[in-house]
C-alpha atoms as a PDB file:
ATOM      1  CA  UNK A   1    -139.894  43.255 152.572  1.00  0.00           C
ATOM      2  CA  UNK A   2    -140.284  44.193 149.001  1.00  0.00           C
ATOM      3  CA  UNK A   3    -138.418  47.369 147.802  1.00  0.00           C
ATOM      4  CA  UNK A   4    -140.384  47.767 144.544  1.00  0.00           C
ATOM      5  CA  UNK A   5    -142.953  50.475 144.463  1.00  0.00           C
ATOM      6  CA  UNK A   6    -146.523  49.041 144.404  1.00  0.00           C
ATOM      7  CA  UNK A   7    -147.204  50.093 140.670  1.00  0.00           C
ATOM      8  CA  UNK A   8    -144.213  48.446 139.509  1.00  0.00           C
ATOM      9  CA  UNK A   9    -145.216  44.955 140.820  1.00  0.00           C
ATOM     10  CA  UNK A  10    -147.911  44.450 138.085  1.00  0.00           C
ATOM     11  CA  UNK A  11    -146.349  45.200 134.542  1.00  0.00           C
ATOM     12  CA  UNK A  12    -148.760  45.372 131.750  1.00  0.00           C
ATOM     13  CA  UNK A  13    -149.003  42.603 129.200  1.00  0.00           C
ATOM     14  CA  UNK A  14    -147.748  45.018 126.491  1.00  0.00           C
ATOM     15  CA  UNK A  15    -144.699  45.939 128.501  1.00  0.00           C
ATOM     16  CA  UNK A  16    -143.881  42.508 129.247  1.00  0.00           C
ATOM     17  CA  UNK A  17    -144.199  41.449 125.588  1.00  0.00           C
ATOM     18  CA  UNK A  18    -142.088  44.393 124.610  1.00  0.00           C
ATOM     19  CA  UNK A  19    -139.159  43.448 127.031  1.00  0.00           C
ATOM     20  CA  UNK A  20    -139.418  39.824 125.888  1.00  0.00           C
ATOM     21  CA  UNK A  21    -139.015  40.893 122.205  1.00  0.00           C
ATOM     22  CA  UNK A  22    -136.129  43.180 123.184  1.00  0.00           C
ATOM     23  CA  UNK A  23    -134.365  40.250 124.951  1.00  0.00           C
ATOM     24  CA  UNK A  24    -134.959  37.750 122.341  1.00  0.00           C
ATOM     25  CA  UNK A  25    -133.466  40.252 119.589  1.00  0.00           C
ATOM     26  CA  UNK A  26    -130.433  40.826 121.688  1.00  0.00           C
ATOM     27  CA  UNK A  27    -129.825  37.181 122.151  1.00  0.00           C
ATOM     28  CA  UNK A  28    -130.275  36.797 118.276  1.00  0.00           C
ATOM     29  CA  UNK A  29    -127.903  39.367 117.648  1.00  0.00           C
ATOM     30  CA  UNK A  30    -125.183  38.242 119.782  1.00  0.00           C
ATOM     31  CA  UNK A  31    -125.377  34.689 118.549  1.00  0.00           C
ATOM     32  CA  UNK A  32    -125.182  35.798 114.853  1.00  0.00           C
ATOM     33  CA  UNK A  33    -122.412  38.338 115.733  1.00  0.00           C
ATOM     34  CA  UNK A  34    -120.505  35.557 117.407  1.00  0.00           C
ATOM     35  CA  UNK A  35    -121.011  33.166 114.325  1.00  0.00           C
ATOM     36  CA  UNK A  36    -122.886  30.625 116.467  1.00  0.00           C
ATOM     37  CA  UNK A  37    -125.834  30.645 114.103  1.00  0.00           C
ATOM     38  CA  UNK A  38    -126.957  32.448 111.050  1.00  0.00           C
ATOM     39  CA  UNK A  39    -130.339  34.455 110.484  1.00  0.00           C
ATOM     40  CA  UNK A  40    -131.242  31.704 108.054  1.00  0.00           C
ATOM     41  CA  UNK A  41    -130.907  28.951 110.695  1.00  0.00           C
ATOM     42  CA  UNK A  42    -132.885  31.103 113.165  1.00  0.00           C
ATOM     43  CA  UNK A  43    -135.635  31.693 110.655  1.00  0.00           C
ATOM     44  CA  UNK A  44    -135.598  27.875 109.861  1.00  0.00           C
ATOM     45  CA  UNK A  45    -136.081  26.979 113.475  1.00  0.00           C
ATOM     46  CA  UNK A  46    -138.970  29.467 114.030  1.00  0.00           C
ATOM     47  CA  UNK A  47    -140.807  27.959 111.062  1.00  0.00           C
ATOM     48  CA  UNK A  48    -140.275  24.479 112.347  1.00  0.00           C
ATOM     49  CA  UNK A  49    -141.597  25.444 115.665  1.00  0.00           C
ATOM     50  CA  UNK A  50    -144.503  27.318 114.222  1.00  0.00           C
ATOM     51  CA  UNK A  51    -145.322  24.109 112.191  1.00  0.00           C
ATOM     52  CA  UNK A  52    -145.265  21.920 115.323  1.00  0.00           C
ATOM     53  CA  UNK A  53    -147.408  24.373 117.087  1.00  0.00           C
ATOM     54  CA  UNK A  54    -149.872  24.722 114.243  1.00  0.00           C
ATOM     55  CA  UNK A  55    -149.413  28.562 113.969  1.00  0.00           C
ATOM     56  CA  UNK A  56    -147.837  28.598 110.493  1.00  0.00           C
ATOM     57  CA  UNK A  57    -149.374  31.165 107.934  1.00  0.00           C
ATOM     58  CA  UNK A  58    -150.421  29.864 104.630  1.00  0.00           C
ATOM     59  CA  UNK A  59    -147.910  32.191 102.867  1.00  0.00           C
ATOM     60  CA  UNK A  60    -145.113  30.645 105.096  1.00  0.00           C
ATOM     61  CA  UNK A  61    -146.342  27.086 104.258  1.00  0.00           C
ATOM     62  CA  UNK A  62    -145.864  27.837 100.514  1.00  0.00           C
ATOM     63  CA  UNK A  63    -142.268  28.980 101.258  1.00  0.00           C
ATOM     64  CA  UNK A  64    -142.908  32.684 100.638  1.00  0.00           C
ATOM     65  CA  UNK A  65    -141.305  35.149 103.153  1.00  0.00           C
ATOM     66  CA  UNK A  66    -143.617  38.199 103.878  1.00  0.00           C
END
C-alpha cells in the first residue's frame, strides 16, 4: 500500500522542474568544490549538448554569453 497522500502522487510540472534544477545545481556545486570540474568545463559541455540538440541561441553561437 502507498503511504503517500493522494495529492502528493501527482506533482506539478513546475514543482518537478524546480526540484530538477535544485538537484542539478547541488551536483554542479559539489563537483566544482571538490575540483572535479570547473564552471568553464560545465558551460562548454552545456553548449556542446545544446548544439547537438539544435537548441543553441544565436547569441551563444556567436560566442557571446548572456
